[in-house]
């Protein structure tokens, strides 16, 4: 389904029905990695001498892991040049919506496999965020909805901290945390697509790719728009705009049939997490002055 053809009143009514745009927590994330999967990520053979240690750490992680995510729906109120304004206030010209799809917020979220983390006072107060990014403006220029989010491996996995100097065990734990983060991201993607009747989604993340694409400092606006993320999912934004737990990611999901990857605008060729090649033509189109 091409999400751009979904009438706006349908999308707004759906949002009202599931109780958004409060801060929504998605915490029923399946996480059942197997030893062969982990060993493959570590580039180890099943019969490796390190396999028993890896399997023991994985078993401990599976007992305590709680990957999760939180998001808030934003309406694109303004989008031009390098400016994007997101608001939780729905557009006034709602057409046929008129409350016809209203349902209990808690019941709607429960049916979507999520829960609200917002208080009544918070829900009644509209939020707005202003971002400065030419690329974000280009990506959101053809859509009406955006989903600000944070996903994390969860603080629980920090309790697996190996003994100081045990570099291998630390590497294993960090790899497990990455797997937990990707489980949370995948589940969030599926939740958004199914709950809001969307097609394909793409994502942008502050600080990912070249600095001028979307500066990491704009994490502050993103977290302010989301609300009390620490209480909801345990993620803290530091003064340097990094996140704790370290295997956490924040950004904006948006409908996109064409697709977009931060990697398209990143020149770090040896990045281990690269998912797409650098797109010279896209860079030239977005930044005609070079750089």
C-alpha atoms as a PDB file:
ATOM      1  CA  UNK A   1       0.000   0.000   0.000  1.00  0.00           C
ATOM      2  CA  UNK A   2       1.282   3.462  -0.854  1.00  0.00           C
ATOM      3  CA  UNK A   3       0.956   5.372   2.404  1.00  0.00           C
ATOM      4  CA  UNK A   4       0.731   8.702   0.606  1.00  0.00           C
ATOM      5  CA  UNK A   5      -2.665   7.629  -0.743  1.00  0.00           C
ATOM      6  CA  UNK A   6      -4.145   6.985   2.684  1.00  0.00           C
ATOM      7  CA  UNK A   7      -6.566   9.849   3.429  1.00  0.00           C
ATOM      8  CA  UNK A   8      -5.369  12.111   6.213  1.00  0.00           C
ATOM      9  CA  UNK A   9      -8.618  11.656   8.162  1.00  0.00           C
ATOM     10  CA  UNK A  10      -7.976   7.899   8.283  1.00  0.00           C
ATOM     11  CA  UNK A  11      -4.488   8.375   9.724  1.00  0.00           C
ATOM     12  CA  UNK A  12      -5.671  10.927  12.297  1.00  0.00           C
ATOM     13  CA  UNK A  13      -8.593   8.743  13.340  1.00  0.00           C
ATOM     14  CA  UNK A  14      -6.256   5.782  13.745  1.00  0.00           C
ATOM     15  CA  UNK A  15      -3.945   7.832  15.948  1.00  0.00           C
ATOM     16  CA  UNK A  16      -6.863   8.885  18.128  1.00  0.00           C
ATOM     17  CA  UNK A  17      -8.098   5.307  18.353  1.00  0.00           C
ATOM     18  CA  UNK A  18      -4.843   3.945  19.769  1.00  0.00           C
ATOM     19  CA  UNK A  19      -4.390   6.780  22.210  1.00  0.00           C
ATOM     20  CA  UNK A  20      -1.478   8.626  20.578  1.00  0.00           C
ATOM     21  CA  UNK A  21       0.122  11.164  20.466  1.00  0.00           C
ATOM     22  CA  UNK A  22       1.092  10.442  24.061  1.00  0.00           C
ATOM     23  CA  UNK A  23       4.465   8.807  24.636  1.00  0.00           C
ATOM     24  CA  UNK A  24       3.889   5.171  23.727  1.00  0.00           C
ATOM     25  CA  UNK A  25       6.050   2.367  25.116  1.00  0.00           C
ATOM     26  CA  UNK A  26       6.579  -0.816  23.110  1.00  0.00           C
ATOM     27  CA  UNK A  27       8.095  -3.284  25.539  1.00  0.00           C
ATOM     28  CA  UNK A  28       6.831  -6.735  24.582  1.00  0.00           C
ATOM     29  CA  UNK A  29       9.817  -7.290  22.310  1.00  0.00           C
ATOM     30  CA  UNK A  30      10.649 -10.892  21.368  1.00  0.00           C
ATOM     31  CA  UNK A  31      14.324 -11.586  22.022  1.00  0.00           C
ATOM     32  CA  UNK A  32      15.415 -15.190  21.633  1.00  0.00           C
ATOM     33  CA  UNK A  33      18.829 -15.198  19.952  1.00  0.00           C
ATOM     34  CA  UNK A  34      20.440 -18.591  19.502  1.00  0.00           C
ATOM     35  CA  UNK A  35      24.031 -19.602  20.153  1.00  0.00           C
ATOM     36  CA  UNK A  36      24.700 -20.286  16.443  1.00  0.00           C
ATOM     37  CA  UNK A  37      23.430 -16.786  15.559  1.00  0.00           C
ATOM     38  CA  UNK A  38      25.669 -15.155  18.145  1.00  0.00           C
ATOM     39  CA  UNK A  39      28.694 -17.248  17.202  1.00  0.00           C
ATOM     40  CA  UNK A  40      28.192 -16.289  13.552  1.00  0.00           C
ATOM     41  CA  UNK A  41      28.137 -12.587  14.475  1.00  0.00           C
ATOM     42  CA  UNK A  42      31.348 -13.112  16.417  1.00  0.00           C
ATOM     43  CA  UNK A  43      32.859 -14.947  13.433  1.00  0.00           C
ATOM     44  CA  UNK A  44      33.409 -18.064  15.537  1.00  0.00           C
ATOM     45  CA  UNK A  45      32.797 -21.693  14.639  1.00  0.00           C
ATOM     46  CA  UNK A  46      30.307 -23.707  16.743  1.00  0.00           C
ATOM     47  CA  UNK A  47      33.145 -25.946  17.942  1.00  0.00           C
ATOM     48  CA  UNK A  48      35.398 -23.056  18.926  1.00  0.00           C
ATOM     49  CA  UNK A  49      37.157 -23.173  22.284  1.00  0.00           C
ATOM     50  CA  UNK A  50      35.330 -19.931  23.095  1.00  0.00           C
ATOM     51  CA  UNK A  51      31.870 -21.376  22.405  1.00  0.00           C
ATOM     52  CA  UNK A  52      31.125 -22.443  26.020  1.00  0.00           C
ATOM     53  CA  UNK A  53      31.867 -18.940  27.337  1.00  0.00           C
ATOM     54  CA  UNK A  54      29.751 -17.369  24.597  1.00  0.00           C
ATOM     55  CA  UNK A  55      26.846 -19.709  25.302  1.00  0.00           C
ATOM     56  CA  UNK A  56      27.026 -19.007  29.043  1.00  0.00           C
ATOM     57  CA  UNK A  57      26.908 -15.246  28.501  1.00  0.00           C
ATOM     58  CA  UNK A  58      24.030 -15.631  26.057  1.00  0.00           C
ATOM     59  CA  UNK A  59      22.046 -17.752  28.508  1.00  0.00           C
ATOM     60  CA  UNK A  60      22.524 -15.117  31.203  1.00  0.00           C
ATOM     61  CA  UNK A  61      21.484 -12.362  28.806  1.00  0.00           C
ATOM     62  CA  UNK A  62      18.315 -14.122  27.708  1.00  0.00           C
ATOM     63  CA  UNK A  63      17.196 -14.417  31.333  1.00  0.00           C
ATOM     64  CA  UNK A  64      17.349 -10.682  31.997  1.00  0.00           C
ATOM     65  CA  UNK A  65      17.141  -8.854  28.649  1.00  0.00           C
ATOM     66  CA  UNK A  66      14.299  -6.362  28.163  1.00  0.00           C
ATOM     67  CA  UNK A  67      14.824  -4.529  24.886  1.00  0.00           C
ATOM     68  CA  UNK A  68      12.159  -1.895  24.356  1.00  0.00           C
ATOM     69  CA  UNK A  69      11.245   1.289  22.567  1.00  0.00           C
ATOM     70  CA  UNK A  70       9.136   4.409  22.957  1.00  0.00           C
ATOM     71  CA  UNK A  71       7.706   6.790  20.390  1.00  0.00           C
ATOM     72  CA  UNK A  72       5.486   9.809  19.951  1.00  0.00           C
ATOM     73  CA  UNK A  73       3.481  10.659  16.851  1.00  0.00           C
ATOM     74  CA  UNK A  74       4.222  14.016  15.296  1.00  0.00           C
ATOM     75  CA  UNK A  75       2.314  15.888  12.620  1.00  0.00           C
ATOM     76  CA  UNK A  76       4.488  17.750  10.117  1.00  0.00           C
ATOM     77  CA  UNK A  77       3.288  21.305  10.662  1.00  0.00           C
ATOM     78  CA  UNK A  78       6.002  23.071   8.669  1.00  0.00           C
ATOM     79  CA  UNK A  79       8.640  21.781   6.287  1.00  0.00           C
ATOM     80  CA  UNK A  80      10.784  24.040   4.106  1.00  0.00           C
ATOM     81  CA  UNK A  81      14.433  24.587   3.241  1.00  0.00           C
ATOM     82  CA  UNK A  82      16.246  23.430   6.392  1.00  0.00           C
ATOM     83  CA  UNK A  83      13.331  23.727   8.816  1.00  0.00           C
ATOM     84  CA  UNK A  84      11.022  20.984  10.085  1.00  0.00           C
ATOM     85  CA  UNK A  85       8.370  21.619  12.730  1.00  0.00           C
ATOM     86  CA  UNK A  86       6.679  18.633  14.355  1.00  0.00           C
ATOM     87  CA  UNK A  87       3.639  19.001  16.581  1.00  0.00           C
ATOM     88  CA  UNK A  88       1.413  16.650  18.534  1.00  0.00           C
ATOM     89  CA  UNK A  89      -1.546  18.829  17.608  1.00  0.00           C
ATOM     90  CA  UNK A  90      -3.519  17.314  14.745  1.00  0.00           C
ATOM     91  CA  UNK A  91      -4.363  19.489  11.719  1.00  0.00           C
ATOM     92  CA  UNK A  92      -7.676  21.306  12.025  1.00  0.00           C
ATOM     93  CA  UNK A  93      -8.931  20.402   8.554  1.00  0.00           C
ATOM     94  CA  UNK A  94      -9.702  16.824   9.569  1.00  0.00           C
ATOM     95  CA  UNK A  95     -12.255  16.134   6.896  1.00  0.00           C
ATOM     96  CA  UNK A  96     -14.286  13.035   7.671  1.00  0.00           C
ATOM     97  CA  UNK A  97     -12.390  12.032  10.813  1.00  0.00           C
ATOM     98  CA  UNK A  98     -14.776  13.799  13.194  1.00  0.00           C
ATOM     99  CA  UNK A  99     -14.071  11.319  15.979  1.00  0.00           C
ATOM    100  CA  UNK A 100     -15.695   8.430  14.102  1.00  0.00           C
ATOM    101  CA  UNK A 101     -12.835   6.056  14.887  1.00  0.00           C
ATOM    102  CA  UNK A 102     -12.392   7.003  18.546  1.00  0.00           C
ATOM    103  CA  UNK A 103     -11.754   4.251  21.042  1.00  0.00           C
ATOM    104  CA  UNK A 104     -10.401   3.958  24.551  1.00  0.00           C
ATOM    105  CA  UNK A 105      -6.766   5.010  24.453  1.00  0.00           C
ATOM    106  CA  UNK A 106      -5.657   2.255  26.832  1.00  0.00           C
ATOM    107  CA  UNK A 107      -7.695  -0.370  25.026  1.00  0.00           C
ATOM    108  CA  UNK A 108      -6.376   0.746  21.664  1.00  0.00           C
ATOM    109  CA  UNK A 109      -2.780   0.594  22.792  1.00  0.00           C
ATOM    110  CA  UNK A 110      -3.273  -2.772  24.432  1.00  0.00           C
ATOM    111  CA  UNK A 111      -4.625  -4.201  21.193  1.00  0.00           C
ATOM    112  CA  UNK A 112      -1.543  -2.816  19.444  1.00  0.00           C
ATOM    113  CA  UNK A 113       0.810  -4.497  21.917  1.00  0.00           C
ATOM    114  CA  UNK A 114       1.911  -1.259  23.574  1.00  0.00           C
ATOM    115  CA  UNK A 115       1.045   1.037  26.457  1.00  0.00           C
ATOM    116  CA  UNK A 116       0.911   4.753  27.117  1.00  0.00           C
ATOM    117  CA  UNK A 117       3.653   6.286  29.241  1.00  0.00           C
ATOM    118  CA  UNK A 118       2.015   9.712  29.272  1.00  0.00           C
ATOM    119  CA  UNK A 119       0.088  11.293  32.130  1.00  0.00           C
ATOM    120  CA  UNK A 120      -3.294  12.965  31.656  1.00  0.00           C
ATOM    121  CA  UNK A 121      -1.721  16.419  31.965  1.00  0.00           C
ATOM    122  CA  UNK A 122       1.005  15.550  29.478  1.00  0.00           C
ATOM    123  CA  UNK A 123      -1.521  14.162  27.002  1.00  0.00           C
ATOM    124  CA  UNK A 124      -3.555  17.369  27.108  1.00  0.00           C
ATOM    125  CA  UNK A 125      -0.576  19.621  26.467  1.00  0.00           C
ATOM    126  CA  UNK A 126       0.550  19.866  22.835  1.00  0.00           C
ATOM    127  CA  UNK A 127       4.251  19.511  22.113  1.00  0.00           C
ATOM    128  CA  UNK A 128       6.269  21.032  19.316  1.00  0.00           C
ATOM    129  CA  UNK A 129       9.828  20.519  18.092  1.00  0.00           C
ATOM    130  CA  UNK A 130      11.830  22.520  15.564  1.00  0.00           C
ATOM    131  CA  UNK A 131      14.653  20.787  13.716  1.00  0.00           C
ATOM    132  CA  UNK A 132      17.248  22.284  11.369  1.00  0.00           C
ATOM    133  CA  UNK A 133      18.203  19.762   8.696  1.00  0.00           C
ATOM    134  CA  UNK A 134      17.992  20.091   4.942  1.00  0.00           C
ATOM    135  CA  UNK A 135      17.892  16.315   4.555  1.00  0.00           C
ATOM    136  CA  UNK A 136      15.141  15.856   7.143  1.00  0.00           C
ATOM    137  CA  UNK A 137      13.094  18.561   5.412  1.00  0.00           C
ATOM    138  CA  UNK A 138      13.542  16.809   2.070  1.00  0.00           C
ATOM    139  CA  UNK A 139      12.472  13.473   3.533  1.00  0.00           C
ATOM    140  CA  UNK A 140       9.409  14.796   5.369  1.00  0.00           C
ATOM    141  CA  UNK A 141       8.273  17.155   2.634  1.00  0.00           C
ATOM    142  CA  UNK A 142       5.887  14.620   1.100  1.00  0.00           C
ATOM    143  CA  UNK A 143       4.376  13.156   4.256  1.00  0.00           C
ATOM    144  CA  UNK A 144       2.067  14.293   7.036  1.00  0.00           C
ATOM    145  CA  UNK A 145       3.198  12.005   9.833  1.00  0.00           C
ATOM    146  CA  UNK A 146       6.487  11.335  11.566  1.00  0.00           C
ATOM    147  CA  UNK A 147       7.277   9.103  14.520  1.00  0.00           C
ATOM    148  CA  UNK A 148       9.916  10.350  16.959  1.00  0.00           C
ATOM    149  CA  UNK A 149      11.396   7.350  18.753  1.00  0.00           C
ATOM    150  CA  UNK A 150      14.074   5.861  20.930  1.00  0.00           C
ATOM    151  CA  UNK A 151      14.932   2.153  21.038  1.00  0.00           C
ATOM    152  CA  UNK A 152      17.306   0.444  23.429  1.00  0.00           C
ATOM    153  CA  UNK A 153      18.849  -2.856  24.423  1.00  0.00           C
ATOM    154  CA  UNK A 154      17.737  -2.060  27.979  1.00  0.00           C
ATOM    155  CA  UNK A 155      19.687  -1.288  31.140  1.00  0.00           C
ATOM    156  CA  UNK A 156      19.333  -4.865  32.350  1.00  0.00           C
ATOM    157  CA  UNK A 157      22.154  -6.082  30.118  1.00  0.00           C
ATOM    158  CA  UNK A 158      24.600  -3.693  31.801  1.00  0.00           C
ATOM    159  CA  UNK A 159      24.604  -6.099  34.748  1.00  0.00           C
ATOM    160  CA  UNK A 160      26.558  -8.552  32.571  1.00  0.00           C
ATOM    161  CA  UNK A 161      29.644  -6.341  32.821  1.00  0.00           C
ATOM    162  CA  UNK A 162      32.672  -8.676  32.575  1.00  0.00           C
ATOM    163  CA  UNK A 163      35.718  -8.451  34.808  1.00  0.00           C
ATOM    164  CA  UNK A 164      38.055  -5.533  34.029  1.00  0.00           C
ATOM    165  CA  UNK A 165      40.485  -6.492  31.302  1.00  0.00           C
ATOM    166  CA  UNK A 166      38.365  -9.325  29.900  1.00  0.00           C
ATOM    167  CA  UNK A 167      38.256  -7.899  26.401  1.00  0.00           C
ATOM    168  CA  UNK A 168      36.687 -10.944  24.780  1.00  0.00           C
ATOM    169  CA  UNK A 169      33.791 -11.169  27.231  1.00  0.00           C
ATOM    170  CA  UNK A 170      33.187  -7.446  26.823  1.00  0.00           C
ATOM    171  CA  UNK A 171      33.031  -7.878  23.049  1.00  0.00           C
ATOM    172  CA  UNK A 172      30.511 -10.705  23.432  1.00  0.00           C
ATOM    173  CA  UNK A 173      28.316  -8.659  25.763  1.00  0.00           C
ATOM    174  CA  UNK A 174      28.382  -5.651  23.427  1.00  0.00           C
ATOM    175  CA  UNK A 175      27.397  -7.897  20.527  1.00  0.00           C
ATOM    176  CA  UNK A 176      24.478  -9.304  22.521  1.00  0.00           C
ATOM    177  CA  UNK A 177      23.393  -5.759  23.344  1.00  0.00           C
ATOM    178  CA  UNK A 178      23.492  -4.870  19.642  1.00  0.00           C
ATOM    179  CA  UNK A 179      21.268  -7.856  18.882  1.00  0.00           C
ATOM    180  CA  UNK A 180      18.830  -6.725  21.576  1.00  0.00           C
ATOM    181  CA  UNK A 181      18.763  -3.212  20.136  1.00  0.00           C
ATOM    182  CA  UNK A 182      18.013  -4.522  16.645  1.00  0.00           C
ATOM    183  CA  UNK A 183      15.233  -6.679  18.097  1.00  0.00           C
ATOM    184  CA  UNK A 184      13.674  -3.550  19.627  1.00  0.00           C
ATOM    185  CA  UNK A 185      14.034  -1.589  16.378  1.00  0.00           C
ATOM    186  CA  UNK A 186      12.555  -4.374  14.275  1.00  0.00           C
ATOM    187  CA  UNK A 187       9.609  -4.786  16.624  1.00  0.00           C
ATOM    188  CA  UNK A 188       8.997  -1.027  16.686  1.00  0.00           C
ATOM    189  CA  UNK A 189       9.034  -0.891  12.876  1.00  0.00           C
ATOM    190  CA  UNK A 190       6.492  -3.711  12.690  1.00  0.00           C
ATOM    191  CA  UNK A 191       4.337  -2.102  15.375  1.00  0.00           C
ATOM    192  CA  UNK A 192       4.214   1.272  13.601  1.00  0.00           C
ATOM    193  CA  UNK A 193       3.522  -0.245  10.199  1.00  0.00           C
ATOM    194  CA  UNK A 194       0.688  -2.432  11.479  1.00  0.00           C
ATOM    195  CA  UNK A 195      -0.863  -0.006  13.966  1.00  0.00           C
ATOM    196  CA  UNK A 196      -1.025   3.005  11.646  1.00  0.00           C
ATOM    197  CA  UNK A 197      -1.692   1.096   8.409  1.00  0.00           C
ATOM    198  CA  UNK A 198       1.548   2.243   6.797  1.00  0.00           C
ATOM    199  CA  UNK A 199       3.595   0.830   3.987  1.00  0.00           C
ATOM    200  CA  UNK A 200       7.374   1.078   4.013  1.00  0.00           C
ATOM    201  CA  UNK A 201       9.119   3.253   6.590  1.00  0.00           C
ATOM    202  CA  UNK A 202      12.525   4.909   6.582  1.00  0.00           C
ATOM    203  CA  UNK A 203      14.451   6.480   9.436  1.00  0.00           C
ATOM    204  CA  UNK A 204      16.812   9.361  10.141  1.00  0.00           C
ATOM    205  CA  UNK A 205      18.977   9.635  13.248  1.00  0.00           C
ATOM    206  CA  UNK A 206      20.705  12.737  14.659  1.00  0.00           C
ATOM    207  CA  UNK A 207      24.472  12.365  14.420  1.00  0.00           C
ATOM    208  CA  UNK A 208      24.380   9.530  11.914  1.00  0.00           C
ATOM    209  CA  UNK A 209      26.305  10.130   8.708  1.00  0.00           C
ATOM    210  CA  UNK A 210      28.023  13.418   7.905  1.00  0.00           C
ATOM    211  CA  UNK A 211      27.661  16.081  10.608  1.00  0.00           C
ATOM    212  CA  UNK A 212      25.768  18.512   8.376  1.00  0.00           C
ATOM    213  CA  UNK A 213      23.089  15.931   7.525  1.00  0.00           C
ATOM    214  CA  UNK A 214      21.455  16.149  10.973  1.00  0.00           C
ATOM    215  CA  UNK A 215      23.670  17.398  13.835  1.00  0.00           C
ATOM    216  CA  UNK A 216      23.849  15.190  16.909  1.00  0.00           C
ATOM    217  CA  UNK A 217      23.102  18.227  19.096  1.00  0.00           C
ATOM    218  CA  UNK A 218      19.495  18.058  17.907  1.00  0.00           C
ATOM    219  CA  UNK A 219      19.080  15.012  20.087  1.00  0.00           C
ATOM    220  CA  UNK A 220      18.050  17.584  22.695  1.00  0.00           C
ATOM    221  CA  UNK A 221      15.004  18.726  20.709  1.00  0.00           C
ATOM    222  CA  UNK A 222      14.117  15.129  19.910  1.00  0.00           C
ATOM    223  CA  UNK A 223      14.220  14.024  23.552  1.00  0.00           C
ATOM    224  CA  UNK A 224      12.277  17.110  24.640  1.00  0.00           C
ATOM    225  CA  UNK A 225       9.577  16.244  22.111  1.00  0.00           C
ATOM    226  CA  UNK A 226       9.445  12.627  23.276  1.00  0.00           C
ATOM    227  CA  UNK A 227       9.123  13.468  26.967  1.00  0.00           C
ATOM    228  CA  UNK A 228      10.308  11.448  29.963  1.00  0.00           C
ATOM    229  CA  UNK A 229      12.242   8.797  28.076  1.00  0.00           C
ATOM    230  CA  UNK A 230      14.271   7.792  31.125  1.00  0.00           C
ATOM    231  CA  UNK A 231      11.156   6.892  33.080  1.00  0.00           C
ATOM    232  CA  UNK A 232       9.576   5.162  30.083  1.00  0.00           C
ATOM    233  CA  UNK A 233      12.440   3.000  28.809  1.00  0.00           C
ATOM    234  CA  UNK A 234      15.484   3.861  30.924  1.00  0.00           C
ATOM    235  CA  UNK A 235      17.432   5.853  28.321  1.00  0.00           C
ATOM    236  CA  UNK A 236      19.352   8.943  29.431  1.00  0.00           C
ATOM    237  CA  UNK A 237      20.729  11.647  27.140  1.00  0.00           C
ATOM    238  CA  UNK A 238      24.108  12.929  28.343  1.00  0.00           C
ATOM    239  CA  UNK A 239      25.407  16.496  28.076  1.00  0.00           C
ATOM    240  CA  UNK A 240      27.427  15.442  25.023  1.00  0.00           C
ATOM    241  CA  UNK A 241      24.214  14.127  23.393  1.00  0.00           C
ATOM    242  CA  UNK A 242      25.195  10.465  23.697  1.00  0.00           C
ATOM    243  CA  UNK A 243      22.785   7.906  25.096  1.00  0.00           C
ATOM    244  CA  UNK A 244      22.973   5.518  28.034  1.00  0.00           C
ATOM    245  CA  UNK A 245      22.653   2.526  27.652  1.00  0.00           C
ATOM    246  CA  UNK A 246      25.230   2.763  24.904  1.00  0.00           C
ATOM    247  CA  UNK A 247      23.304   0.426  22.595  1.00  0.00           C
ATOM    248  CA  UNK A 248      20.404   2.810  22.093  1.00  0.00           C
ATOM    249  CA  UNK A 249      19.270   4.727  19.042  1.00  0.00           C
ATOM    250  CA  UNK A 250      16.921   7.662  18.554  1.00  0.00           C
ATOM    251  CA  UNK A 251      15.460   9.232  15.471  1.00  0.00           C
ATOM    252  CA  UNK A 252      12.386   9.755  13.349  1.00  0.00           C
ATOM    253  CA  UNK A 253      10.566   7.108  11.352  1.00  0.00           C
ATOM    254  CA  UNK A 254       8.607   8.390   8.361  1.00  0.00           C
ATOM    255  CA  UNK A 255       6.595   6.823   5.517  1.00  0.00           C
ATOM    256  CA  UNK A 256       8.764   6.307   2.438  1.00  0.00           C
ATOM    257  CA  UNK A 257       8.183   4.034  -0.507  1.00  0.00           C
ATOM    258  CA  UNK A 258      11.487   5.120  -2.063  1.00  0.00           C
ATOM    259  CA  UNK A 259      13.525   4.277   1.028  1.00  0.00           C
ATOM    260  CA  UNK A 260      16.330   6.176   2.706  1.00  0.00           C
ATOM    261  CA  UNK A 261      19.429   5.190   4.672  1.00  0.00           C
ATOM    262  CA  UNK A 262      21.690   7.521   6.631  1.00  0.00           C
ATOM    263  CA  UNK A 263      24.516   5.605   4.946  1.00  0.00           C
ATOM    264  CA  UNK A 264      23.578   7.224   1.625  1.00  0.00           C
ATOM    265  CA  UNK A 265      25.062  10.461   2.993  1.00  0.00           C
ATOM    266  CA  UNK A 266      28.001   9.049   4.947  1.00  0.00           C
ATOM    267  CA  UNK A 267      31.543   8.821   3.588  1.00  0.00           C
ATOM    268  CA  UNK A 268      32.867   6.467   6.285  1.00  0.00           C
ATOM    269  CA  UNK A 269      33.424   3.518   3.978  1.00  0.00           C
ATOM    270  CA  UNK A 270      34.748   1.168   6.656  1.00  0.00           C
ATOM    271  CA  UNK A 271      31.835   1.599   9.051  1.00  0.00           C
ATOM    272  CA  UNK A 272      30.900  -1.920  10.298  1.00  0.00           C
ATOM    273  CA  UNK A 273      27.208  -0.975  10.381  1.00  0.00           C
ATOM    274  CA  UNK A 274      27.025   0.334   6.815  1.00  0.00           C
ATOM    275  CA  UNK A 275      23.806  -0.779   5.096  1.00  0.00           C
ATOM    276  CA  UNK A 276      24.062   1.162   1.822  1.00  0.00           C
ATOM    277  CA  UNK A 277      26.814   2.805  -0.268  1.00  0.00           C
ATOM    278  CA  UNK A 278      27.465   6.530  -0.293  1.00  0.00           C
ATOM    279  CA  UNK A 279      25.217   8.193  -2.893  1.00  0.00           C
ATOM    280  CA  UNK A 280      27.199  10.919  -4.625  1.00  0.00           C
ATOM    281  CA  UNK A 281      24.226  12.017  -6.752  1.00  0.00           C
ATOM    282  CA  UNK A 282      21.957  12.373  -3.713  1.00  0.00           C
ATOM    283  CA  UNK A 283      24.622  14.354  -1.876  1.00  0.00           C
ATOM    284  CA  UNK A 284      25.049  16.707  -4.844  1.00  0.00           C
ATOM    285  CA  UNK A 285      21.295  17.229  -5.056  1.00  0.00           C
ATOM    286  CA  UNK A 286      20.918  18.033  -1.358  1.00  0.00           C
ATOM    287  CA  UNK A 287      24.154  19.988  -0.997  1.00  0.00           C
ATOM    288  CA  UNK A 288      24.780  21.607  -4.398  1.00  0.00           C
ATOM    289  CA  UNK A 289      27.566  23.761  -2.964  1.00  0.00           C
ATOM    290  CA  UNK A 290      29.582  20.633  -2.207  1.00  0.00           C
ATOM    291  CA  UNK A 291      31.204  20.033   1.172  1.00  0.00           C
END
